[in-house]
Amino acid sequence: MSKEGRKYDILYTIVREYIKTAEPVGSRTIEKKGGLGISSATIRNEMSDLEDLGFLIQPHASAGRIPSEKAYRMYVDQFIDSFSEQNGLALKIREQYSHYFAELNEAVRKAAEILTKITSYTALVSMPEISSLGVREVRFVLIEGDRILFIIITNESTVKNAEMRLSFSPTAKQLEKAANFLNYYIKGSTDPITMANFGARIGELKSAEQKIIAETVPAINTILNADIKTRVYADGLTEILNYPEFQDVSKAKLFIEAMHQQELLACLLASAMESESGTPVDIKIGKEVEIDGLTECSVLTATYKLNGKPLGTIGLIGPTRMDYSKCTIAIKTMSTELSRHINISMGGRIEDG
């Protein structure tokens, strides 16, 4: 074994041991558990070098070492393998979720609950925008005079409705014909509706029906593209309080306050979906999170998809000492299962995870 390789074997052992115990790791522990075949004195020298390189921290003069954020980053990028030891965990998740069928929002919440139960960390999930689900049907209902109710039903049976006033008083028959015409052209589409969608065919409608469509299309687009960035569901908000790092009241308070800032959490999940780094799971460690109250945490995220297109994001938040191997396979498996559920229920394309 080269000296450089030995150094990083020691670092790997320290990170793994600290993840398990939350206690500073000394040279004797590494000698016993590292299986490196070198003396405590040699290990201490290597630990000193690792400290100088910024990978280890010595919290007290007489204590062992703990990993720095730099050490966790190297551990995540270089040391985590194919998670063969976690195959049983993936199977457990599939067994809990694969036969669970429900309306989309409830299915997403169930995914977060399972993640929290299995990992003992806080789970987050961003709900998909209505516009990304595709429109199955639009209905118009006459209320009175120029007042109508329009109802939008997505492919996943999510229902949105709103009341509006037209510039004239339509008949129920005119509303029905206008809705039928709209549905023919927009069914299943996830793109914004424009008058150009209809081409010359709109001329086949009577003027009143054309006016209904011209006046309702902007309102329908507004509903479909409504700003719902704050739609973040969290499960296990207090789980992190069970970890020694967050026994400090001030740290715990900052964490809870951060978890109630919906817009910040939504931006965190949205940025993960937009970046799509090419890896199934994106991992931010400590100060990489860039949210007050979460800078001593790590955040793992993965996207769930419809027909290969990102629909939303699921995430796990824990201390920087979190079990990255377990959490990575858990969130990767859950994103695959949630995507599978959505594609089955919405008639999309099933992809192997």
Protein backbone atom coordinates (compact mmCIF):
# COMPACT_ATOMS: atom_id res chain seq x y z
CA MET A 1 0.00 0.00 0.00
CA SER A 2 1.37 3.46 -0.94
CA LYS A 3 1.67 6.15 1.70
CA GLU A 4 -0.96 8.20 -0.12
CA GLY A 5 -3.34 5.25 -0.29
CA ARG A 6 -2.78 4.51 3.39
CA LYS A 7 -3.59 8.10 4.29
CA TYR A 8 -6.95 7.97 2.57
CA ASP A 9 -7.76 4.52 3.96
CA ILE A 10 -7.35 6.10 7.38
CA LEU A 11 -9.62 8.99 6.35
CA TYR A 12 -12.24 6.54 5.07
CA THR A 13 -12.17 4.65 8.38
CA ILE A 14 -12.53 7.85 10.39
CA VAL A 15 -15.50 9.05 8.35
CA ARG A 16 -17.28 5.71 8.57
CA GLU A 17 -16.65 5.41 12.31
CA TYR A 18 -17.74 8.98 13.05
CA ILE A 19 -20.94 8.50 11.04
CA LYS A 20 -21.74 5.54 13.28
CA THR A 21 -20.80 6.96 16.67
CA ALA A 22 -20.67 10.79 16.52
CA GLU A 23 -17.56 10.48 18.73
CA PRO A 24 -14.06 11.75 17.83
CA VAL A 25 -12.00 8.90 16.38
CA GLY A 26 -8.57 8.12 17.82
CA SER A 27 -5.60 6.16 16.48
CA ARG A 28 -6.35 3.07 18.59
CA THR A 29 -9.85 2.80 17.13
CA ILE A 30 -8.40 2.97 13.62
CA GLU A 31 -5.76 0.37 14.50
CA LYS A 32 -8.48 -2.00 15.72
CA LYS A 33 -11.11 -1.39 13.05
CA GLY A 34 -9.20 -0.20 10.01
CA GLY A 35 -7.38 -3.47 9.32
CA LEU A 36 -4.41 -1.50 7.97
CA GLY A 37 -1.63 -3.41 9.71
CA ILE A 38 0.21 -0.29 10.85
CA SER A 39 1.07 1.06 14.31
CA SER A 40 -0.81 3.68 16.31
CA ALA A 41 2.19 6.00 16.00
CA THR A 42 2.11 5.80 12.20
CA ILE A 43 -1.64 6.36 12.24
CA ARG A 44 -1.22 9.45 14.44
CA ASN A 45 1.33 10.89 12.00
CA GLU A 46 -1.02 10.30 9.07
CA MET A 47 -3.92 11.86 11.00
CA SER A 48 -1.77 14.92 11.66
CA ASP A 49 -1.07 15.20 7.92
CA LEU A 50 -4.78 14.86 7.14
CA GLU A 51 -5.52 17.62 9.63
CA ASP A 52 -2.97 19.87 7.94
CA LEU A 53 -4.65 19.13 4.59
CA GLY A 54 -8.02 20.25 5.98
CA PHE A 55 -9.68 16.82 6.07
CA LEU A 56 -9.76 16.39 9.86
CA ILE A 57 -10.57 18.56 12.87
CA GLN A 58 -9.40 18.02 16.43
CA PRO A 59 -12.18 19.41 18.65
CA HIS A 60 -10.11 19.19 21.85
CA ALA A 61 -6.39 18.83 22.51
CA SER A 62 -6.81 15.38 24.06
CA ALA A 63 -9.52 14.17 21.68
CA GLY A 64 -9.40 12.15 18.50
CA ARG A 65 -10.32 13.65 15.12
CA ILE A 66 -13.62 14.30 13.37
CA PRO A 67 -14.14 14.74 9.62
CA SER A 68 -14.41 18.22 8.08
CA GLU A 69 -16.85 19.09 5.30
CA LYS A 70 -13.92 18.61 2.92
CA ALA A 71 -13.57 15.03 4.19
CA TYR A 72 -17.26 14.30 3.67
CA ARG A 73 -17.04 15.70 0.15
CA MET A 74 -14.13 13.38 -0.68
CA TYR A 75 -15.95 10.47 0.95
CA VAL A 76 -19.05 11.11 -1.18
CA ASP A 77 -17.14 11.71 -4.41
CA GLN A 78 -14.45 9.04 -4.10
CA PHE A 79 -15.27 6.39 -1.54
CA ILE A 80 -18.95 5.52 -1.92
CA ASP A 81 -19.22 2.54 -4.22
CA SER A 82 -22.18 0.76 -5.79
CA PHE A 83 -23.87 0.28 -2.42
CA SER A 84 -23.96 -3.50 -2.70
CA GLU A 85 -24.38 -3.70 1.06
CA GLN A 86 -27.62 -1.72 0.74
CA ASN A 87 -29.45 -4.04 -1.68
CA GLY A 88 -31.76 -5.14 1.13
CA LEU A 89 -32.69 -1.52 1.77
CA ALA A 90 -33.71 -0.97 -1.85
CA LEU A 91 -35.87 -4.10 -1.74
CA LYS A 92 -37.52 -2.91 1.48
CA ILE A 93 -38.43 0.43 -0.12
CA ARG A 94 -39.85 -1.26 -3.21
CA GLU A 95 -41.93 -3.60 -1.08
CA GLN A 96 -43.39 -0.70 0.89
CA TYR A 97 -44.15 1.48 -2.11
CA SER A 98 -44.53 -0.60 -5.26
CA HIS A 99 -48.10 -1.66 -4.44
CA TYR A 100 -49.14 1.75 -3.15
CA PHE A 101 -51.48 3.51 -5.57
CA ALA A 102 -53.19 6.81 -4.90
CA GLU A 103 -53.82 10.29 -6.27
CA LEU A 104 -50.55 12.06 -7.11
CA ASN A 105 -50.27 14.41 -4.13
CA GLU A 106 -50.96 11.58 -1.69
CA ALA A 107 -48.48 9.30 -3.48
CA VAL A 108 -45.80 11.98 -3.19
CA ARG A 109 -46.50 12.41 0.53
CA LYS A 110 -46.32 8.66 1.03
CA ALA A 111 -42.88 8.63 -0.59
CA ALA A 112 -41.65 11.23 1.90
CA GLU A 113 -43.10 9.29 4.83
CA ILE A 114 -41.35 6.10 3.76
CA LEU A 115 -38.03 7.91 3.34
CA THR A 116 -38.25 9.37 6.84
CA LYS A 117 -39.25 6.04 8.35
CA ILE A 118 -36.37 4.17 6.71
CA THR A 119 -33.60 6.75 7.13
CA SER A 120 -34.67 8.66 10.31
CA TYR A 121 -33.95 11.94 8.54
CA THR A 122 -36.21 14.78 7.42
CA ALA A 123 -37.72 14.22 3.97
CA LEU A 124 -38.82 16.96 1.57
CA VAL A 125 -40.74 16.74 -1.66
CA SER A 126 -41.79 19.38 -4.15
CA MET A 127 -45.25 18.89 -5.57
CA PRO A 128 -45.39 19.04 -9.40
CA GLU A 129 -46.79 22.10 -11.12
CA ILE A 130 -50.27 21.59 -12.52
CA SER A 131 -49.07 22.65 -15.99
CA SER A 132 -46.58 19.76 -16.09
CA LEU A 133 -49.29 17.14 -15.62
CA GLY A 134 -51.09 17.71 -18.91
CA VAL A 135 -54.73 18.69 -19.40
CA ARG A 136 -57.27 15.93 -19.75
CA GLU A 137 -60.39 18.06 -19.94
CA VAL A 138 -61.69 21.61 -19.62
CA ARG A 139 -65.31 22.29 -18.66
CA PHE A 140 -67.32 25.51 -18.59
CA VAL A 141 -70.31 25.90 -16.30
CA LEU A 142 -72.77 28.79 -16.59
CA ILE A 143 -73.39 30.42 -13.21
CA GLU A 144 -75.50 33.43 -14.08
CA GLY A 145 -75.45 36.10 -16.78
CA ASP A 146 -71.82 36.68 -17.79
CA ARG A 147 -70.40 34.68 -14.86
CA ILE A 148 -68.96 31.23 -15.60
CA LEU A 149 -66.97 28.59 -13.75
CA PHE A 150 -64.19 26.87 -15.66
CA ILE A 151 -62.84 23.55 -14.44
CA ILE A 152 -59.48 22.05 -15.46
CA ILE A 153 -58.91 18.32 -14.95
CA THR A 154 -55.34 17.05 -15.39
CA ASN A 155 -54.25 13.62 -16.57
CA GLU A 156 -53.68 12.70 -12.93
CA SER A 157 -57.25 13.76 -11.98
CA THR A 158 -56.07 16.88 -10.18
CA VAL A 159 -58.86 19.44 -10.40
CA LYS A 160 -58.46 23.21 -10.51
CA ASN A 161 -61.30 25.67 -10.98
CA ALA A 162 -61.96 29.39 -11.02
CA GLU A 163 -64.79 31.79 -11.64
CA MET A 164 -64.63 34.59 -14.21
CA ARG A 165 -66.80 37.07 -16.09
CA LEU A 166 -67.05 37.15 -19.86
CA SER A 167 -67.73 40.28 -21.90
CA PHE A 168 -71.20 38.92 -22.71
CA SER A 169 -73.75 36.47 -21.37
CA PRO A 170 -73.28 33.07 -23.05
CA THR A 171 -75.69 30.18 -23.20
CA ALA A 172 -74.91 26.77 -21.70
CA LYS A 173 -74.89 25.33 -25.24
CA GLN A 174 -72.29 27.85 -26.40
CA LEU A 175 -70.10 27.04 -23.42
CA GLU A 176 -70.36 23.34 -24.13
CA LYS A 177 -69.38 23.75 -27.78
CA ALA A 178 -66.43 25.97 -26.87
CA ALA A 179 -65.22 23.45 -24.27
CA ASN A 180 -65.54 20.55 -26.73
CA PHE A 181 -63.49 22.49 -29.28
CA LEU A 182 -60.80 23.31 -26.70
CA ASN A 183 -60.58 19.72 -25.47
CA TYR A 184 -60.05 18.40 -28.99
CA TYR A 185 -56.92 20.51 -29.41
CA ILE A 186 -55.37 20.63 -25.95
CA LYS A 187 -56.05 17.18 -24.49
CA GLY A 188 -52.87 15.81 -22.91
CA SER A 189 -50.80 18.88 -23.76
CA THR A 190 -48.40 20.39 -21.23
CA ASP A 191 -47.65 23.46 -23.37
CA PRO A 192 -49.28 26.88 -22.90
CA ILE A 193 -52.51 27.27 -24.87
CA THR A 194 -52.51 29.90 -27.63
CA MET A 195 -55.04 30.82 -30.29
CA ALA A 196 -52.47 29.62 -32.82
CA ASN A 197 -53.12 26.07 -31.57
CA PHE A 198 -56.47 26.14 -33.35
CA GLY A 199 -55.44 27.50 -36.74
CA ALA A 200 -58.16 28.14 -39.28
CA ARG A 201 -60.44 25.60 -37.62
CA ILE A 202 -61.58 28.17 -35.06
CA GLY A 203 -63.40 29.87 -37.91
CA GLU A 204 -65.82 26.94 -37.95
CA LEU A 205 -67.21 28.14 -34.61
CA LYS A 206 -69.82 30.81 -34.23
CA SER A 207 -68.61 34.23 -33.09
CA ALA A 208 -69.92 33.77 -29.53
CA GLU A 209 -68.04 30.49 -29.16
CA GLN A 210 -64.88 32.07 -30.55
CA LYS A 211 -65.19 34.87 -27.99
CA ILE A 212 -65.57 32.35 -25.16
CA ILE A 213 -62.33 30.66 -26.19
CA ALA A 214 -60.45 33.92 -26.73
CA GLU A 215 -61.48 35.20 -23.29
CA THR A 216 -60.98 31.98 -21.30
CA VAL A 217 -57.63 30.82 -22.74
CA PRO A 218 -55.59 33.48 -20.84
CA ALA A 219 -57.40 32.58 -17.60
CA ILE A 220 -56.78 28.87 -18.14
CA ASN A 221 -53.06 29.53 -18.75
CA THR A 222 -52.92 31.58 -15.56
CA ILE A 223 -54.31 28.67 -13.57
CA LEU A 224 -52.01 26.13 -15.24
CA ASN A 225 -48.94 28.28 -14.69
CA ALA A 226 -49.87 29.63 -11.28
CA ASP A 227 -46.88 30.23 -9.02
CA ILE A 228 -46.92 27.23 -6.69
CA LYS A 229 -43.23 27.28 -5.77
CA THR A 230 -44.15 27.10 -2.10
CA ARG A 231 -45.76 23.68 -2.48
CA VAL A 232 -43.22 21.72 -0.48
CA TYR A 233 -44.23 18.82 1.74
CA ALA A 234 -41.99 17.87 4.66
CA ASP A 235 -42.06 14.76 6.83
CA GLY A 236 -40.07 14.09 10.00
CA LEU A 237 -39.31 17.71 10.81
CA THR A 238 -38.11 16.84 14.31
CA GLU A 239 -36.03 13.79 13.37
CA ILE A 240 -32.80 15.80 13.33
CA LEU A 241 -33.33 16.72 16.99
CA ASN A 242 -32.49 13.10 17.85
CA TYR A 243 -28.88 13.60 16.71
CA PRO A 244 -26.27 14.88 19.20
CA GLU A 245 -25.13 17.65 16.85
CA PHE A 246 -28.53 19.30 17.26
CA GLN A 247 -28.98 18.93 21.00
CA ASP A 248 -27.85 22.55 21.19
CA VAL A 249 -31.05 24.61 21.49
CA SER A 250 -29.84 27.44 19.25
CA LYS A 251 -28.92 25.03 16.43
CA ALA A 252 -32.23 23.22 16.75
CA LYS A 253 -34.14 26.50 16.66
CA LEU A 254 -32.35 27.66 13.51
CA PHE A 255 -33.07 24.36 11.82
CA ILE A 256 -36.79 24.43 12.64
CA GLU A 257 -37.03 28.05 11.49
CA ALA A 258 -35.35 27.16 8.17
CA MET A 259 -37.73 24.25 7.65
CA HIS A 260 -40.69 26.63 7.88
CA GLN A 261 -39.39 28.88 5.09
CA GLN A 262 -41.32 27.30 2.25
CA GLU A 263 -39.98 29.53 -0.49
CA LEU A 264 -36.35 28.85 0.41
CA LEU A 265 -36.96 25.10 0.55
CA ALA A 266 -38.80 25.25 -2.78
CA CYS A 267 -35.84 27.08 -4.34
CA LEU A 268 -33.47 24.47 -2.91
CA LEU A 269 -35.46 21.64 -4.48
CA ALA A 270 -36.04 23.55 -7.73
CA SER A 271 -32.32 24.25 -8.16
CA ALA A 272 -31.63 20.54 -7.81
CA MET A 273 -34.19 19.77 -10.52
CA GLU A 274 -32.84 22.45 -12.84
CA SER A 275 -29.19 21.48 -12.42
CA GLU A 276 -29.66 17.73 -13.09
CA SER A 277 -25.94 17.16 -12.56
CA GLY A 278 -25.95 13.87 -14.48
CA THR A 279 -25.84 11.80 -11.29
CA PRO A 280 -29.00 10.15 -9.94
CA VAL A 281 -28.54 11.82 -6.54
CA ASP A 282 -27.22 15.34 -5.93
CA ILE A 283 -25.48 15.90 -2.58
CA LYS A 284 -24.86 19.28 -0.95
CA ILE A 285 -22.75 19.27 2.21
CA GLY A 286 -22.66 21.91 4.93
CA LYS A 287 -22.00 25.39 3.59
CA GLU A 288 -22.84 24.21 0.06
CA VAL A 289 -26.50 24.30 1.12
CA GLU A 290 -26.38 28.11 1.49
CA ILE A 291 -29.48 28.41 3.69
CA ASP A 292 -29.20 29.81 7.20
CA GLY A 293 -29.99 27.07 9.69
CA LEU A 294 -29.00 24.30 7.26
CA THR A 295 -25.29 25.04 6.83
CA GLU A 296 -24.43 22.28 9.31
CA CYS A 297 -26.60 19.82 7.41
CA SER A 298 -26.33 17.82 4.21
CA VAL A 299 -29.09 17.71 1.60
CA LEU A 300 -29.54 14.83 -0.83
CA THR A 301 -31.95 15.29 -3.74
CA ALA A 302 -33.24 13.31 -6.70
CA THR A 303 -35.87 14.07 -9.31
CA TYR A 304 -38.96 12.06 -10.14
CA LYS A 305 -40.08 12.11 -13.73
CA LEU A 306 -42.94 11.76 -16.21
CA ASN A 307 -41.90 10.40 -19.60
CA GLY A 308 -38.29 11.15 -18.74
CA LYS A 309 -39.02 14.80 -17.98
CA PRO A 310 -38.37 16.06 -14.40
CA LEU A 311 -41.66 16.58 -12.61
CA GLY A 312 -40.54 17.30 -9.04
CA THR A 313 -37.79 16.70 -6.49
CA ILE A 314 -37.50 14.59 -3.36
CA GLY A 315 -34.86 15.26 -0.74
CA LEU A 316 -33.38 14.16 2.57
CA ILE A 317 -31.88 16.51 5.17
CA GLY A 318 -29.65 15.35 8.00
CA PRO A 319 -26.47 16.32 9.84
CA THR A 320 -23.26 16.38 7.80
CA ARG A 321 -22.52 13.12 9.62
CA MET A 322 -25.47 11.46 7.88
CA ASP A 323 -25.20 7.95 6.47
CA TYR A 324 -24.55 8.87 2.83
CA SER A 325 -24.46 5.30 1.53
CA LYS A 326 -27.83 4.43 3.02
CA CYS A 327 -29.45 7.73 2.10
CA THR A 328 -28.17 7.70 -1.47
CA ILE A 329 -29.62 4.29 -2.25
CA ALA A 330 -32.84 5.15 -0.39
CA ILE A 331 -33.53 8.35 -2.29
CA LYS A 332 -32.41 6.89 -5.62
CA THR A 333 -34.73 3.92 -5.19
CA MET A 334 -37.64 6.07 -4.06
CA SER A 335 -37.30 8.48 -6.99
CA THR A 336 -37.40 5.48 -9.34
CA GLU A 337 -40.47 4.00 -7.63
CA LEU A 338 -42.30 7.34 -7.54
CA SER A 339 -41.55 7.92 -11.23
CA ARG A 340 -42.81 4.43 -12.00
CA HIS A 341 -46.03 5.06 -10.06
CA ILE A 342 -46.68 8.35 -11.85
CA ASN A 343 -46.00 6.92 -15.30
CA ILE A 344 -48.27 3.93 -14.68
CA SER A 345 -51.12 6.05 -13.34
CA MET A 346 -50.79 8.63 -16.12
CA GLY A 347 -50.10 6.26 -18.98
CA GLY A 348 -46.52 7.43 -19.41
CA ARG A 349 -43.33 5.64 -20.35
CA ILE A 350 -41.90 3.25 -17.77
CA GLU A 351 -38.14 3.54 -17.33
CA ASP A 352 -35.86 1.18 -15.48
CA GLY A 353 -34.13 2.74 -12.47
